[in-house]
Amino acid sequence: TIADVCAMPVSELREYFEAPPLTPDQRARASDVLKQVRERLDFLHKVGLEYLTLDRETRTLSGGEHQRINLANQLGAHLTGTLYILDEPTIGLHPRDNARLVSILKDLVDRGNTLLVVEHDRDVIDEADYVVDLGPGAGERGGEVVFSGPREELDLCERSATAKFLSGEREISPRKIKRGDNGSCSYLSLLGAQANNLKKVDLHVPLGRLV
């Protein structure tokens, strides 16, 4: 049924539409539609959304998921000469999926488009053709163009805090965790959570803390 198909994740739908339960005549009549469906599912897979189901409510999607769905739509639109502005598209992605996202961004560029990406992820910065670094600090201490130029020249910019972190000269130190007098606390635990893209995840939230 349609409900059964909509409840399948994209990963299963790709397999389903490779050999749909249709007669040869039905496949011939639906060949163009099937081609478009497969293409759209492939795009969703490319942007790392293979776990989504078609019956997923839009309001339950994260900002990163919304943005990647839009990316998939743009891949399917085959537009050229377009300016895309993306705000941290790596949000919610596992580091191993960053390379796949970068490949998609480059694909859009190769089609003759321009991408302006606001990003803090090193994988994306390293693959950029041109970098604009704002600083020198955050908030009221920023707002200046510290560097503007090819990625390979960024490491030579002495004013850039970004360059220092990328080169390893500076590191982000983990914040010290404030604990009670006895160093222990109670936890709210969620065990074996399974919903949307959660797969038997255990979560422990310390009580009486800012989490």
N, C-alpha and C. Protein backbone atom coordinates (compact mmCIF):
# COMPACT_ATOMS: atom_id res chain seq x y z
N THR A 1 0.84 -1.20 0.00
CA THR A 1 0.00 0.00 0.00
C THR A 1 0.88 1.26 0.00
N ILE A 2 0.25 2.39 -0.28
CA ILE A 2 0.98 3.66 -0.26
C ILE A 2 1.51 3.94 1.14
N ALA A 3 0.71 3.59 2.16
CA ALA A 3 1.14 3.82 3.55
C ALA A 3 2.39 3.00 3.86
N ASP A 4 2.44 1.77 3.38
CA ASP A 4 3.61 0.91 3.63
C ASP A 4 4.85 1.50 2.97
N VAL A 5 4.70 1.99 1.74
CA VAL A 5 5.83 2.56 1.02
C VAL A 5 6.32 3.83 1.71
N CYS A 6 5.39 4.66 2.17
CA CYS A 6 5.76 5.91 2.83
C CYS A 6 6.45 5.67 4.18
N ALA A 7 6.22 4.51 4.76
CA ALA A 7 6.83 4.19 6.06
C ALA A 7 8.24 3.62 5.90
N MET A 8 8.66 3.38 4.67
CA MET A 8 10.01 2.85 4.43
C MET A 8 11.04 3.97 4.46
N PRO A 9 12.23 3.74 5.05
CA PRO A 9 13.30 4.72 4.95
C PRO A 9 13.81 4.81 3.52
N VAL A 10 14.47 5.90 3.20
CA VAL A 10 14.97 6.12 1.84
C VAL A 10 15.87 4.96 1.40
N SER A 11 16.67 4.42 2.31
CA SER A 11 17.57 3.32 1.95
C SER A 11 16.80 2.11 1.43
N GLU A 12 15.65 1.80 2.03
CA GLU A 12 14.84 0.67 1.58
C GLU A 12 14.06 1.02 0.32
N LEU A 13 13.63 2.27 0.23
CA LEU A 13 12.88 2.69 -0.96
C LEU A 13 13.72 2.60 -2.22
N ARG A 14 15.01 2.89 -2.10
CA ARG A 14 15.90 2.79 -3.27
C ARG A 14 15.92 1.36 -3.79
N GLU A 15 15.96 0.39 -2.90
CA GLU A 15 15.93 -1.02 -3.31
C GLU A 15 14.56 -1.39 -3.87
N TYR A 16 13.51 -0.90 -3.24
CA TYR A 16 12.15 -1.22 -3.67
C TYR A 16 11.89 -0.75 -5.10
N PHE A 17 12.32 0.47 -5.41
CA PHE A 17 12.04 1.02 -6.74
C PHE A 17 13.03 0.54 -7.81
N GLU A 18 14.04 -0.20 -7.41
CA GLU A 18 14.89 -0.83 -8.41
C GLU A 18 14.15 -1.99 -9.08
N ALA A 19 13.26 -2.64 -8.33
CA ALA A 19 12.48 -3.75 -8.88
C ALA A 19 11.07 -3.69 -8.30
N PRO A 20 10.29 -2.67 -8.66
CA PRO A 20 8.93 -2.53 -8.11
C PRO A 20 8.02 -3.66 -8.59
N PRO A 21 7.03 -4.03 -7.78
CA PRO A 21 6.12 -5.12 -8.15
C PRO A 21 5.10 -4.70 -9.23
N LEU A 22 5.59 -4.51 -10.45
CA LEU A 22 4.76 -4.08 -11.56
C LEU A 22 4.88 -5.08 -12.71
N THR A 23 3.85 -5.13 -13.53
CA THR A 23 3.90 -5.95 -14.73
C THR A 23 4.78 -5.25 -15.76
N PRO A 24 5.28 -5.96 -16.75
CA PRO A 24 6.10 -5.32 -17.79
C PRO A 24 5.40 -4.14 -18.45
N ASP A 25 4.09 -4.26 -18.67
CA ASP A 25 3.34 -3.16 -19.28
C ASP A 25 3.29 -1.95 -18.34
N GLN A 26 3.05 -2.21 -17.06
CA GLN A 26 3.00 -1.12 -16.09
C GLN A 26 4.35 -0.42 -15.97
N ARG A 27 5.43 -1.19 -16.01
CA ARG A 27 6.76 -0.59 -15.93
C ARG A 27 7.05 0.29 -17.13
N ALA A 28 6.61 -0.17 -18.29
CA ALA A 28 6.82 0.62 -19.51
C ALA A 28 6.08 1.95 -19.44
N ARG A 29 4.83 1.89 -18.94
CA ARG A 29 4.03 3.11 -18.84
C ARG A 29 4.58 4.08 -17.79
N ALA A 30 5.19 3.52 -16.74
CA ALA A 30 5.66 4.36 -15.63
C ALA A 30 7.17 4.59 -15.67
N SER A 31 7.80 4.27 -16.78
CA SER A 31 9.27 4.34 -16.85
C SER A 31 9.81 5.73 -16.52
N ASP A 32 9.19 6.78 -17.07
CA ASP A 32 9.67 8.14 -16.80
C ASP A 32 9.51 8.52 -15.34
N VAL A 33 8.35 8.15 -14.78
CA VAL A 33 8.09 8.46 -13.37
C VAL A 33 9.06 7.71 -12.47
N LEU A 34 9.26 6.42 -12.76
CA LEU A 34 10.18 5.61 -11.95
C LEU A 34 11.60 6.17 -12.00
N LYS A 35 11.99 6.66 -13.17
CA LYS A 35 13.33 7.24 -13.31
C LYS A 35 13.49 8.46 -12.41
N GLN A 36 12.46 9.31 -12.39
CA GLN A 36 12.51 10.51 -11.56
C GLN A 36 12.51 10.16 -10.07
N VAL A 37 11.71 9.15 -9.69
CA VAL A 37 11.64 8.73 -8.30
C VAL A 37 13.00 8.20 -7.84
N ARG A 38 13.61 7.35 -8.66
CA ARG A 38 14.93 6.81 -8.32
C ARG A 38 15.96 7.93 -8.18
N GLU A 39 15.90 8.90 -9.08
CA GLU A 39 16.86 10.00 -9.05
C GLU A 39 16.72 10.81 -7.77
N ARG A 40 15.47 11.10 -7.38
CA ARG A 40 15.24 11.88 -6.17
C ARG A 40 15.70 11.12 -4.93
N LEU A 41 15.45 9.82 -4.90
CA LEU A 41 15.89 9.01 -3.76
C LEU A 41 17.41 8.95 -3.69
N ASP A 42 18.05 8.89 -4.86
CA ASP A 42 19.52 8.88 -4.89
C ASP A 42 20.08 10.19 -4.34
N PHE A 43 19.42 11.31 -4.65
CA PHE A 43 19.88 12.61 -4.15
C PHE A 43 19.74 12.68 -2.63
N LEU A 44 18.62 12.15 -2.09
CA LEU A 44 18.43 12.14 -0.64
C LEU A 44 19.50 11.28 0.03
N HIS A 45 19.84 10.19 -0.63
CA HIS A 45 20.90 9.31 -0.11
C HIS A 45 22.25 10.04 -0.13
N LYS A 46 22.52 10.77 -1.18
CA LYS A 46 23.79 11.49 -1.31
C LYS A 46 23.99 12.53 -0.22
N VAL A 47 22.90 13.17 0.22
CA VAL A 47 23.02 14.21 1.24
C VAL A 47 22.90 13.64 2.66
N GLY A 48 22.96 12.30 2.78
CA GLY A 48 22.99 11.68 4.10
C GLY A 48 21.66 11.55 4.80
N LEU A 49 20.56 11.50 4.03
CA LEU A 49 19.23 11.39 4.63
C LEU A 49 18.56 10.06 4.33
N GLU A 50 19.39 9.00 4.22
CA GLU A 50 18.85 7.69 3.86
C GLU A 50 17.96 7.09 4.94
N TYR A 51 17.99 7.67 6.15
CA TYR A 51 17.18 7.15 7.26
C TYR A 51 15.77 7.75 7.30
N LEU A 52 15.53 8.82 6.54
CA LEU A 52 14.22 9.47 6.56
C LEU A 52 13.16 8.62 5.89
N THR A 53 11.93 8.73 6.39
CA THR A 53 10.78 8.10 5.74
C THR A 53 9.91 9.19 5.13
N LEU A 54 9.15 8.85 4.10
CA LEU A 54 8.34 9.85 3.40
C LEU A 54 7.18 10.34 4.25
N ASP A 55 6.79 9.57 5.27
CA ASP A 55 5.67 10.00 6.11
C ASP A 55 6.14 10.80 7.33
N ARG A 56 7.42 11.13 7.35
CA ARG A 56 7.97 11.93 8.47
C ARG A 56 7.39 13.34 8.41
N GLU A 57 6.87 13.84 9.53
CA GLU A 57 6.29 15.18 9.56
C GLU A 57 7.39 16.23 9.47
N THR A 58 7.13 17.26 8.67
CA THR A 58 8.13 18.30 8.44
C THR A 58 8.56 18.97 9.73
N ARG A 59 7.62 19.15 10.66
CA ARG A 59 7.94 19.86 11.91
C ARG A 59 8.93 19.08 12.78
N THR A 60 9.11 17.79 12.51
CA THR A 60 10.05 16.99 13.31
C THR A 60 11.46 17.01 12.74
N LEU A 61 11.64 17.64 11.59
CA LEU A 61 12.97 17.69 10.97
C LEU A 61 13.83 18.77 11.61
N SER A 62 15.10 18.52 11.71
CA SER A 62 16.02 19.53 12.24
C SER A 62 16.34 20.55 11.15
N GLY A 63 16.97 21.66 11.56
CA GLY A 63 17.36 22.67 10.58
C GLY A 63 18.33 22.11 9.55
N GLY A 64 19.26 21.28 10.02
CA GLY A 64 20.23 20.67 9.10
C GLY A 64 19.56 19.74 8.10
N GLU A 65 18.55 18.98 8.57
CA GLU A 65 17.83 18.08 7.67
C GLU A 65 17.04 18.86 6.63
N HIS A 66 16.41 19.96 7.05
CA HIS A 66 15.69 20.83 6.10
C HIS A 66 16.64 21.30 5.00
N GLN A 67 17.81 21.76 5.43
CA GLN A 67 18.77 22.33 4.49
C GLN A 67 19.26 21.27 3.50
N ARG A 68 19.47 20.05 3.99
CA ARG A 68 19.96 18.99 3.11
C ARG A 68 18.87 18.50 2.16
N ILE A 69 17.62 18.56 2.59
CA ILE A 69 16.51 18.23 1.68
C ILE A 69 16.47 19.26 0.55
N ASN A 70 16.66 20.52 0.91
CA ASN A 70 16.71 21.56 -0.12
C ASN A 70 17.87 21.34 -1.07
N LEU A 71 19.02 20.88 -0.53
CA LEU A 71 20.17 20.57 -1.38
C LEU A 71 19.81 19.47 -2.37
N ALA A 72 19.13 18.43 -1.87
CA ALA A 72 18.73 17.33 -2.74
C ALA A 72 17.80 17.83 -3.85
N ASN A 73 16.88 18.74 -3.50
CA ASN A 73 15.97 19.30 -4.50
C ASN A 73 16.73 20.08 -5.56
N GLN A 74 17.76 20.82 -5.13
CA GLN A 74 18.53 21.61 -6.08
C GLN A 74 19.35 20.72 -7.01
N LEU A 75 19.84 19.60 -6.48
CA LEU A 75 20.56 18.66 -7.33
C LEU A 75 19.63 18.13 -8.42
N GLY A 76 18.38 17.92 -8.06
CA GLY A 76 17.41 17.41 -9.03
C GLY A 76 16.92 18.46 -10.00
N ALA A 77 17.10 19.73 -9.64
CA ALA A 77 16.61 20.81 -10.51
C ALA A 77 17.54 21.08 -11.68
N HIS A 78 18.82 20.67 -11.56
CA HIS A 78 19.81 20.85 -12.63
C HIS A 78 19.95 22.31 -13.05
N LEU A 79 19.96 23.22 -12.06
CA LEU A 79 20.10 24.65 -12.36
C LEU A 79 21.57 25.02 -12.56
N THR A 80 21.80 26.09 -13.33
CA THR A 80 23.15 26.63 -13.51
C THR A 80 23.10 28.14 -13.31
N GLY A 81 24.25 28.75 -13.00
CA GLY A 81 24.30 30.19 -12.82
C GLY A 81 23.54 30.68 -11.61
N THR A 82 23.39 29.82 -10.60
CA THR A 82 22.62 30.16 -9.41
C THR A 82 23.55 30.38 -8.22
N LEU A 83 23.21 31.34 -7.35
CA LEU A 83 23.96 31.60 -6.13
C LEU A 83 23.24 30.91 -4.97
N TYR A 84 23.91 29.98 -4.32
CA TYR A 84 23.36 29.29 -3.15
C TYR A 84 24.05 29.81 -1.90
N ILE A 85 23.27 30.13 -0.87
CA ILE A 85 23.81 30.56 0.41
C ILE A 85 23.41 29.51 1.45
N LEU A 86 24.40 28.84 2.03
CA LEU A 86 24.15 27.75 2.97
C LEU A 86 24.70 28.09 4.35
N ASP A 87 23.91 27.85 5.38
CA ASP A 87 24.32 28.15 6.74
C ASP A 87 24.64 26.85 7.47
N GLU A 88 25.91 26.56 7.63
CA GLU A 88 26.42 25.38 8.33
C GLU A 88 25.71 24.08 7.91
N PRO A 89 25.86 23.68 6.67
CA PRO A 89 25.21 22.46 6.19
C PRO A 89 25.69 21.18 6.85
N THR A 90 26.82 21.22 7.58
CA THR A 90 27.32 20.00 8.24
C THR A 90 26.65 19.74 9.58
N ILE A 91 25.77 20.66 10.03
CA ILE A 91 25.12 20.47 11.32
C ILE A 91 24.34 19.15 11.32
N GLY A 92 24.54 18.35 12.34
CA GLY A 92 23.84 17.09 12.47
C GLY A 92 24.46 15.93 11.70
N LEU A 93 25.53 16.21 10.96
CA LEU A 93 26.19 15.16 10.19
C LEU A 93 27.28 14.50 11.01
N HIS A 94 27.40 13.18 10.85
CA HIS A 94 28.55 12.48 11.44
C HIS A 94 29.77 12.88 10.62
N PRO A 95 30.93 13.04 11.26
CA PRO A 95 32.14 13.45 10.52
C PRO A 95 32.42 12.61 9.28
N ARG A 96 32.04 11.32 9.31
CA ARG A 96 32.33 10.46 8.14
C ARG A 96 31.48 10.85 6.93
N ASP A 97 30.38 11.62 7.17
CA ASP A 97 29.52 12.02 6.07
C ASP A 97 29.91 13.37 5.47
N ASN A 98 30.89 14.04 6.10
CA ASN A 98 31.30 15.36 5.60
C ASN A 98 31.84 15.29 4.18
N ALA A 99 32.62 14.24 3.90
CA ALA A 99 33.21 14.10 2.56
C ALA A 99 32.12 13.97 1.51
N ARG A 100 31.05 13.28 1.85
CA ARG A 100 29.93 13.11 0.91
C ARG A 100 29.25 14.45 0.65
N LEU A 101 29.09 15.26 1.72
CA LEU A 101 28.46 16.57 1.57
C LEU A 101 29.35 17.48 0.72
N VAL A 102 30.65 17.48 0.98
CA VAL A 102 31.58 18.31 0.21
C VAL A 102 31.51 17.94 -1.26
N SER A 103 31.40 16.64 -1.55
CA SER A 103 31.30 16.18 -2.94
C SER A 103 30.06 16.76 -3.62
N ILE A 104 28.96 16.84 -2.87
CA ILE A 104 27.71 17.39 -3.42
C ILE A 104 27.87 18.88 -3.70
N LEU A 105 28.50 19.60 -2.76
CA LEU A 105 28.72 21.03 -2.95
C LEU A 105 29.58 21.29 -4.19
N LYS A 106 30.61 20.46 -4.36
CA LYS A 106 31.47 20.61 -5.54
C LYS A 106 30.71 20.28 -6.82
N ASP A 107 29.79 19.34 -6.72
CA ASP A 107 28.97 18.98 -7.88
C ASP A 107 28.15 20.18 -8.33
N LEU A 108 27.58 20.91 -7.37
CA LEU A 108 26.80 22.11 -7.71
C LEU A 108 27.69 23.18 -8.35
N VAL A 109 28.93 23.30 -7.84
CA VAL A 109 29.87 24.27 -8.42
C VAL A 109 30.23 23.87 -9.84
N ASP A 110 30.48 22.57 -10.05
CA ASP A 110 30.87 22.08 -11.38
C ASP A 110 29.77 22.32 -12.42
N ARG A 111 28.54 22.49 -11.94
CA ARG A 111 27.43 22.74 -12.87
C ARG A 111 27.34 24.22 -13.24
N GLY A 112 28.26 25.03 -12.70
CA GLY A 112 28.27 26.45 -13.05
C GLY A 112 27.58 27.33 -12.03
N ASN A 113 27.43 26.83 -10.79
CA ASN A 113 26.80 27.60 -9.74
C ASN A 113 27.84 28.15 -8.77
N THR A 114 27.43 29.12 -7.94
CA THR A 114 28.30 29.71 -6.93
C THR A 114 27.73 29.38 -5.56
N LEU A 115 28.59 28.93 -4.64
CA LEU A 115 28.14 28.59 -3.29
C LEU A 115 28.82 29.48 -2.26
N LEU A 116 28.02 30.16 -1.45
CA LEU A 116 28.52 30.93 -0.32
C LEU A 116 28.11 30.17 0.93
N VAL A 117 29.09 29.56 1.60
CA VAL A 117 28.81 28.66 2.72
C VAL A 117 29.35 29.24 4.02
N VAL A 118 28.47 29.42 5.00
CA VAL A 118 28.89 29.83 6.34
C VAL A 118 29.18 28.54 7.11
N GLU A 119 30.42 28.33 7.47
CA GLU A 119 30.79 27.03 8.04
C GLU A 119 31.98 27.14 8.97
N HIS A 120 32.01 26.28 10.00
CA HIS A 120 33.14 26.21 10.92
C HIS A 120 33.84 24.86 10.85
N ASP A 121 33.31 23.97 10.04
CA ASP A 121 33.87 22.63 9.94
C ASP A 121 35.14 22.63 9.09
N ARG A 122 36.17 22.01 9.61
CA ARG A 122 37.47 22.03 8.93
C ARG A 122 37.41 21.37 7.56
N ASP A 123 36.67 20.26 7.44
CA ASP A 123 36.61 19.56 6.15
C ASP A 123 36.10 20.47 5.04
N VAL A 124 35.09 21.27 5.37
CA VAL A 124 34.52 22.17 4.36
C VAL A 124 35.47 23.32 4.07
N ILE A 125 36.07 23.89 5.12
CA ILE A 125 37.01 25.00 4.94
C ILE A 125 38.19 24.57 4.06
N ASP A 126 38.72 23.38 4.34
CA ASP A 126 39.89 22.90 3.59
C ASP A 126 39.58 22.69 2.10
N GLU A 127 38.32 22.42 1.77
CA GLU A 127 37.96 22.17 0.37
C GLU A 127 37.49 23.42 -0.35
N ALA A 128 37.41 24.54 0.38
CA ALA A 128 36.93 25.79 -0.23
C ALA A 128 37.95 26.35 -1.22
N ASP A 129 37.46 26.95 -2.29
CA ASP A 129 38.34 27.61 -3.26
C ASP A 129 38.78 28.97 -2.74
N TYR A 130 37.90 29.60 -1.95
CA TYR A 130 38.14 30.97 -1.48
C TYR A 130 37.56 31.08 -0.07
N VAL A 131 38.29 31.71 0.84
CA VAL A 131 37.87 31.80 2.23
C VAL A 131 37.78 33.26 2.66
N VAL A 132 36.69 33.60 3.33
CA VAL A 132 36.53 34.92 3.97
C VAL A 132 36.42 34.65 5.47
N ASP A 133 37.42 35.10 6.22
CA ASP A 133 37.47 34.86 7.66
C ASP A 133 37.11 36.14 8.40
N LEU A 134 36.05 36.07 9.20
CA LEU A 134 35.59 37.23 9.97
C LEU A 134 36.09 37.12 11.40
N GLY A 135 36.43 38.25 12.00
CA GLY A 135 36.97 38.24 13.36
C GLY A 135 37.31 39.65 13.80
N PRO A 136 38.35 39.84 14.60
CA PRO A 136 39.27 38.80 15.07
C PRO A 136 38.70 37.93 16.19
N GLY A 137 37.64 38.41 16.86
CA GLY A 137 37.01 37.63 17.92
C GLY A 137 35.57 37.33 17.57
N ALA A 138 34.79 36.98 18.59
CA ALA A 138 33.37 36.69 18.37
C ALA A 138 32.50 37.83 18.90
N GLY A 139 31.28 37.90 18.41
CA GLY A 139 30.34 38.91 18.90
C GLY A 139 30.83 40.32 18.67
N GLU A 140 30.83 41.13 19.76
CA GLU A 140 31.25 42.52 19.66
C GLU A 140 32.74 42.65 19.34
N ARG A 141 33.50 41.59 19.54
CA ARG A 141 34.94 41.64 19.26
C ARG A 141 35.26 41.25 17.82
N GLY A 142 34.22 41.03 17.03
CA GLY A 142 34.41 40.63 15.64
C GLY A 142 33.85 41.65 14.67
N GLY A 143 33.46 41.16 13.50
CA GLY A 143 32.85 42.03 12.50
C GLY A 143 33.81 42.54 11.46
N GLU A 144 35.11 42.20 11.59
CA GLU A 144 36.09 42.64 10.60
C GLU A 144 36.45 41.51 9.65
N VAL A 145 36.80 41.86 8.43
CA VAL A 145 37.33 40.87 7.49
C VAL A 145 38.81 40.69 7.80
N VAL A 146 39.15 39.59 8.49
CA VAL A 146 40.52 39.32 8.88
C VAL A 146 41.32 38.78 7.71
N PHE A 147 40.67 37.98 6.89
CA PHE A 147 41.35 37.39 5.73
C PHE A 147 40.35 37.18 4.62
N SER A 148 40.81 37.36 3.40
CA SER A 148 39.99 37.11 2.22
C SER A 148 40.92 36.68 1.09
N GLY A 149 40.79 35.41 0.70
CA GLY A 149 41.67 34.93 -0.35
C GLY A 149 41.61 33.43 -0.50
N PRO A 150 42.49 32.84 -1.33
CA PRO A 150 42.52 31.39 -1.53
C PRO A 150 42.81 30.65 -0.23
N ARG A 151 42.26 29.44 -0.11
CA ARG A 151 42.43 28.66 1.12
C ARG A 151 43.90 28.47 1.49
N GLU A 152 44.75 28.21 0.51
CA GLU A 152 46.16 27.91 0.80
C GLU A 152 46.89 29.12 1.39
N GLU A 153 46.35 30.33 1.25
CA GLU A 153 47.00 31.51 1.80
C GLU A 153 46.52 31.84 3.22
N LEU A 154 45.44 31.19 3.64
CA LEU A 154 44.88 31.47 4.96
C LEU A 154 45.87 31.17 6.07
N ASP A 155 46.63 30.07 5.94
CA ASP A 155 47.56 29.66 6.98
C ASP A 155 48.65 30.70 7.24
N LEU A 156 48.85 31.61 6.30
CA LEU A 156 49.90 32.63 6.44
C LEU A 156 49.40 33.89 7.13
N CYS A 157 48.10 33.95 7.41
CA CYS A 157 47.52 35.14 8.03
C CYS A 157 47.71 35.10 9.54
N GLU A 158 48.56 35.95 10.08
CA GLU A 158 48.89 35.94 11.50
C GLU A 158 47.73 36.43 12.36
N ARG A 159 46.85 37.25 11.81
CA ARG A 159 45.73 37.79 12.60
C ARG A 159 44.57 36.81 12.73
N SER A 160 44.60 35.76 11.93
CA SER A 160 43.45 34.85 11.87
C SER A 160 43.52 33.77 12.95
N ALA A 161 42.53 33.80 13.86
CA ALA A 161 42.44 32.73 14.87
C ALA A 161 42.09 31.42 14.19
N THR A 162 41.30 31.50 13.12
CA THR A 162 40.93 30.29 12.37
C THR A 162 42.16 29.60 11.83
N ALA A 163 43.09 30.39 11.27
CA ALA A 163 44.32 29.82 10.72
C ALA A 163 45.13 29.12 11.80
N LYS A 164 45.16 29.68 13.00
CA LYS A 164 45.94 29.08 14.09
C LYS A 164 45.35 27.74 14.52
N PHE A 165 44.03 27.65 14.54
CA PHE A 165 43.40 26.38 14.90
C PHE A 165 43.58 25.34 13.80
N LEU A 166 43.48 25.76 12.55
CA LEU A 166 43.65 24.83 11.43
C LEU A 166 45.06 24.29 11.36
N SER A 167 46.04 25.11 11.71
CA SER A 167 47.44 24.70 11.63
C SER A 167 47.87 23.89 12.85
N GLY A 168 47.05 23.91 13.91
CA GLY A 168 47.39 23.19 15.13
C GLY A 168 48.16 24.03 16.12
N GLU A 169 48.41 25.30 15.78
CA GLU A 169 49.13 26.19 16.70
C GLU A 169 48.32 26.43 17.97
N ARG A 170 46.99 26.47 17.79
CA ARG A 170 46.09 26.59 18.94
C ARG A 170 45.13 25.43 18.93
N GLU A 171 44.64 25.07 20.09
CA GLU A 171 43.70 23.96 20.21
C GLU A 171 42.51 24.38 21.05
N ILE A 172 41.39 23.69 20.81
CA ILE A 172 40.19 23.94 21.62
C ILE A 172 40.25 23.00 22.81
N SER A 173 40.40 23.56 23.98
CA SER A 173 40.49 22.75 25.20
C SER A 173 39.09 22.47 25.73
N PRO A 174 38.84 21.24 26.14
CA PRO A 174 37.52 20.93 26.70
C PRO A 174 37.30 21.69 27.99
N ARG A 175 36.07 22.17 28.17
CA ARG A 175 35.76 22.92 29.39
C ARG A 175 35.74 21.97 30.59
N LYS A 176 36.19 22.49 31.72
CA LYS A 176 36.14 21.70 32.93
C LYS A 176 34.71 21.57 33.41
N ILE A 177 34.36 20.37 33.82
CA ILE A 177 32.99 20.11 34.27
C ILE A 177 32.89 20.42 35.76
N LYS A 178 31.93 21.27 36.10
CA LYS A 178 31.73 21.59 37.51
C LYS A 178 30.95 20.44 38.15
N ARG A 179 31.44 19.96 39.26
CA ARG A 179 30.79 18.86 39.94
C ARG A 179 30.44 19.28 41.37
N GLY A 180 29.61 18.47 41.99
CA GLY A 180 29.24 18.73 43.37
C GLY A 180 30.41 18.48 44.30
N ASP A 181 30.20 18.71 45.59
CA ASP A 181 31.28 18.55 46.56
C ASP A 181 31.85 17.14 46.55
N ASN A 182 30.98 16.14 46.33
CA ASN A 182 31.46 14.77 46.36
C ASN A 182 31.77 14.23 44.97
N GLY A 183 31.69 15.11 43.96
CA GLY A 183 32.04 14.70 42.61
C GLY A 183 31.04 13.78 41.94
N SER A 184 29.85 13.65 42.50
CA SER A 184 28.84 12.77 41.91
C SER A 184 27.52 13.50 41.79
N CYS A 185 26.62 12.95 40.97
CA CYS A 185 25.29 13.53 40.82
C CYS A 185 24.35 12.46 40.32
N SER A 186 23.07 12.77 40.31
CA SER A 186 22.06 11.84 39.81
C SER A 186 21.83 12.10 38.33
N TYR A 187 21.34 11.08 37.62
CA TYR A 187 21.14 11.20 36.18
C TYR A 187 19.72 10.79 35.79
N LEU A 188 19.23 11.46 34.76
CA LEU A 188 18.01 11.02 34.09
C LEU A 188 18.47 10.19 32.89
N SER A 189 18.11 8.92 32.89
CA SER A 189 18.62 8.01 31.86
C SER A 189 17.52 7.57 30.90
N LEU A 190 17.86 7.57 29.62
CA LEU A 190 16.98 7.08 28.57
C LEU A 190 17.74 5.95 27.87
N LEU A 191 17.21 4.74 27.95
CA LEU A 191 17.93 3.58 27.45
C LEU A 191 17.26 2.99 26.21
N GLY A 192 18.07 2.66 25.22
CA GLY A 192 17.57 1.99 24.02
C GLY A 192 16.59 2.82 23.19
N ALA A 193 16.80 4.13 23.14
CA ALA A 193 15.88 5.01 22.40
C ALA A 193 15.89 4.68 20.90
N GLN A 194 14.70 4.52 20.32
CA GLN A 194 14.57 4.23 18.90
C GLN A 194 13.45 5.07 18.31
N ALA A 195 13.81 6.04 17.51
CA ALA A 195 12.83 6.89 16.83
C ALA A 195 13.57 7.70 15.77
N ASN A 196 12.93 7.87 14.61
CA ASN A 196 13.54 8.60 13.50
C ASN A 196 14.93 8.03 13.20
N ASN A 197 16.01 8.82 13.41
CA ASN A 197 17.35 8.31 13.10
C ASN A 197 18.10 7.81 14.33
N LEU A 198 17.40 7.63 15.46
CA LEU A 198 18.02 7.06 16.66
C LEU A 198 17.93 5.55 16.60
N LYS A 199 19.05 4.88 16.83
CA LYS A 199 19.11 3.43 16.77
C LYS A 199 19.63 2.87 18.10
N LYS A 200 18.70 2.57 19.01
CA LYS A 200 19.05 2.00 20.31
C LYS A 200 20.14 2.81 21.01
N VAL A 201 19.84 4.09 21.23
CA VAL A 201 20.79 5.01 21.85
C VAL A 201 20.52 5.12 23.34
N ASP A 202 21.57 5.12 24.14
CA ASP A 202 21.47 5.35 25.58
C ASP A 202 21.88 6.79 25.88
N LEU A 203 21.08 7.48 26.70
CA LEU A 203 21.36 8.88 27.03
C LEU A 203 21.28 9.05 28.54
N HIS A 204 22.29 9.71 29.11
CA HIS A 204 22.33 9.97 30.55
C HIS A 204 22.50 11.48 30.75
N VAL A 205 21.51 12.13 31.33
CA VAL A 205 21.52 13.58 31.54
C VAL A 205 21.71 13.87 33.02
N PRO A 206 22.79 14.55 33.39
CA PRO A 206 23.00 14.87 34.82
C PRO A 206 21.97 15.88 35.31
N LEU A 207 21.39 15.60 36.47
CA LEU A 207 20.37 16.48 37.04
C LEU A 207 21.01 17.61 37.84
N GLY A 208 20.35 18.76 37.82
CA GLY A 208 20.87 19.91 38.54
C GLY A 208 22.06 20.56 37.89
N ARG A 209 22.20 20.33 36.58
CA ARG A 209 23.33 20.90 35.84
C ARG A 209 22.80 21.60 34.58
N LEU A 210 23.62 22.45 34.00
CA LEU A 210 23.31 23.05 32.72
C LEU A 210 23.83 22.12 31.63
N VAL A 211 22.92 21.51 30.88
CA VAL A 211 23.30 20.51 29.88
C VAL A 211 23.00 21.03 28.49
